[in-house]
Amino acid sequence: MTEPVKDYITQAGFVEYGADGAILHAGHQGIAFTTDAMACGERILLGGPILAPEAIVAGYFVEVALRQFKAKAECPAVLDRFTLSRLPVPCRVEISTPFTTPTLYDWTDPALTLSFEHPCRYTVRVLSVPYLPGVFEVAVDA
């Protein structure tokens, strides 16, 4: 009995994804490389949207239970003065200024009241795997 011939030459799209469904890497490789990795239990899928790899990583996620690609939805978060509401749970809140490295907070409540020590223009980003980033500007006056 002969083994089936595996196709390591024909290129096809693939994505690698994390336990939360975030797409970590997208690209093209021989079909058998991807199917071999899937058979070993790696978080990798064959196919996906026909887009540039960067666009796939930014705009899609994998619904892990179904092992299916899904487009990210708009972030449901809303900013009213200094209160973020309708936050996806869980999420990561990233706060930065033009002069600082972003500070990250893992958040598990649907609302967050922001407070700032210094007057400045802050950028607040809400990050959650099934959603596009929610980006807000907060101006804090003296």
Protein backbone atom coordinates (compact mmCIF):
# COMPACT_ATOMS: atom_id res chain seq x y z
CA MET A 1 0.00 0.00 0.00
CA THR A 2 1.44 3.36 -0.96
CA GLU A 3 1.21 6.60 0.97
CA PRO A 4 -0.74 9.39 -0.69
CA VAL A 5 1.50 11.99 -2.28
CA LYS A 6 1.53 15.23 -0.30
CA ASP A 7 1.62 18.54 -2.16
CA TYR A 8 4.37 20.70 -0.67
CA ILE A 9 4.65 22.80 -3.84
CA THR A 10 1.19 24.24 -4.56
CA GLN A 11 0.87 27.44 -2.53
CA ALA A 12 -2.25 28.24 -0.49
CA GLY A 13 -3.13 30.81 2.13
CA PHE A 14 -2.98 29.94 5.81
CA VAL A 15 -3.30 31.61 9.19
CA GLU A 16 -1.85 30.81 12.59
CA TYR A 17 -4.00 31.87 15.53
CA GLY A 18 -3.85 32.03 19.32
CA ALA A 19 -6.07 30.36 21.90
CA ASP A 20 -8.28 33.49 21.94
CA GLY A 21 -8.74 33.43 18.15
CA ALA A 22 -6.40 36.34 17.41
CA ILE A 23 -4.65 35.81 14.10
CA LEU A 24 -0.92 35.87 14.79
CA HIS A 25 0.42 35.31 11.30
CA ALA A 26 -0.93 34.92 7.78
CA GLY A 27 0.83 33.95 4.59
CA HIS A 28 1.20 31.39 1.84
CA GLN A 29 2.97 28.05 1.85
CA GLY A 30 2.73 24.59 0.32
CA ILE A 31 -0.61 22.98 1.12
CA ALA A 32 0.93 19.92 2.80
CA PHE A 33 2.94 22.08 5.23
CA THR A 34 -0.34 23.50 6.54
CA THR A 35 -2.23 20.17 6.59
CA ASP A 36 0.70 18.50 8.39
CA ALA A 37 0.66 21.25 11.05
CA MET A 38 -3.13 20.92 11.44
CA ALA A 39 -2.76 17.13 11.87
CA CYS A 40 -0.27 17.79 14.69
CA GLY A 41 -2.86 19.94 16.48
CA GLU A 42 -1.29 23.33 15.77
CA ARG A 43 -3.60 26.34 15.66
CA ILE A 44 -3.40 26.83 11.93
CA LEU A 45 -6.06 26.93 9.22
CA LEU A 46 -5.84 26.48 5.48
CA GLY A 47 -7.35 29.17 3.30
CA GLY A 48 -8.87 32.39 4.53
CA PRO A 49 -9.76 35.66 2.89
CA ILE A 50 -7.77 36.53 -0.21
CA LEU A 51 -6.13 39.66 1.12
CA ALA A 52 -2.67 40.87 2.01
CA PRO A 53 -1.45 39.08 5.17
CA GLU A 54 -1.43 42.37 7.13
CA ALA A 55 -5.10 42.98 6.27
CA ILE A 56 -6.03 39.48 7.45
CA VAL A 57 -4.23 39.94 10.79
CA ALA A 58 -5.84 43.39 11.32
CA GLY A 59 -9.38 42.67 10.15
CA TYR A 60 -10.17 39.04 10.95
CA PHE A 61 -10.13 36.52 13.78
CA VAL A 62 -10.77 32.79 14.09
CA GLU A 63 -13.86 31.61 15.94
CA VAL A 64 -11.96 28.86 17.74
CA ALA A 65 -14.87 26.51 18.52
CA LEU A 66 -15.90 26.46 14.85
CA ARG A 67 -12.38 26.88 13.37
CA GLN A 68 -13.79 29.52 11.00
CA PHE A 69 -12.58 32.91 9.83
CA LYS A 70 -14.75 35.85 10.84
CA ALA A 71 -14.45 39.53 10.02
CA LYS A 72 -13.96 41.72 13.09
CA ALA A 73 -16.96 43.89 14.01
CA GLU A 74 -16.84 47.56 14.98
CA CYS A 75 -15.87 48.04 18.62
CA PRO A 76 -19.03 48.64 20.71
CA ALA A 77 -17.23 50.88 23.26
CA VAL A 78 -18.49 54.44 23.75
CA LEU A 79 -16.65 57.37 25.36
CA ASP A 80 -18.66 60.03 27.20
CA ARG A 81 -16.27 62.63 28.63
CA PHE A 82 -14.06 60.44 30.84
CA THR A 83 -16.19 57.29 30.99
CA LEU A 84 -15.82 54.36 28.64
CA SER A 85 -18.93 52.18 28.52
CA ARG A 86 -20.14 49.19 26.51
CA LEU A 87 -16.64 47.74 26.75
CA PRO A 88 -16.25 44.21 25.41
CA VAL A 89 -15.44 41.84 28.27
CA PRO A 90 -12.60 41.03 28.51
CA CYS A 91 -10.62 43.71 26.72
CA ARG A 92 -7.35 45.57 26.89
CA VAL A 93 -7.33 49.35 27.27
CA GLU A 94 -4.26 51.14 25.90
CA ILE A 95 -3.58 54.74 26.93
CA SER A 96 -0.85 56.88 25.36
CA THR A 97 0.24 60.42 24.62
CA PRO A 98 2.34 61.59 21.68
CA PHE A 99 5.34 61.48 24.03
CA THR A 100 4.94 58.17 25.86
CA THR A 101 4.92 54.45 25.30
CA PRO A 102 1.36 53.10 25.65
CA THR A 103 0.29 51.79 29.04
CA LEU A 104 -1.86 48.64 28.84
CA TYR A 105 -4.62 47.60 31.24
CA ASP A 106 -6.40 44.27 31.07
CA TRP A 107 -10.05 45.03 31.83
CA THR A 108 -12.98 42.78 32.73
CA ASP A 109 -15.81 45.23 33.44
CA PRO A 110 -18.21 46.82 30.92
CA ALA A 111 -17.32 50.37 32.05
CA LEU A 112 -14.20 52.32 33.02
CA THR A 113 -13.83 55.82 34.40
CA LEU A 114 -10.61 57.37 33.14
CA SER A 115 -8.48 59.74 35.20
CA PHE A 116 -5.33 61.53 34.16
CA GLU A 117 -2.59 63.26 36.18
CA HIS A 118 -1.38 65.76 33.60
CA PRO A 119 -2.96 68.04 31.00
CA CYS A 120 -2.39 66.55 27.57
CA ARG A 121 -4.11 64.94 24.60
CA TYR A 122 -4.43 61.21 25.27
CA THR A 123 -5.21 58.41 22.85
CA VAL A 124 -7.28 55.60 24.32
CA ARG A 125 -7.59 52.35 22.40
CA VAL A 126 -9.95 49.49 23.31
CA LEU A 127 -8.64 46.15 22.07
CA SER A 128 -10.61 42.89 22.00
CA VAL A 129 -10.10 39.99 19.58
CA PRO A 130 -13.49 39.89 17.80
CA TYR A 131 -13.54 43.68 17.30
CA LEU A 132 -11.64 46.30 15.38
CA PRO A 133 -9.78 48.62 17.77
CA GLY A 134 -11.92 51.36 19.31
CA VAL A 135 -9.86 54.57 19.21
CA PHE A 136 -10.73 57.69 21.22
CA GLU A 137 -9.04 61.03 21.85
CA VAL A 138 -9.29 62.63 25.30
CA ALA A 139 -8.17 66.21 25.87
CA VAL A 140 -7.30 67.02 29.47
CA ASP A 141 -7.02 70.76 30.17
CA ALA A 142 -5.00 72.34 32.97
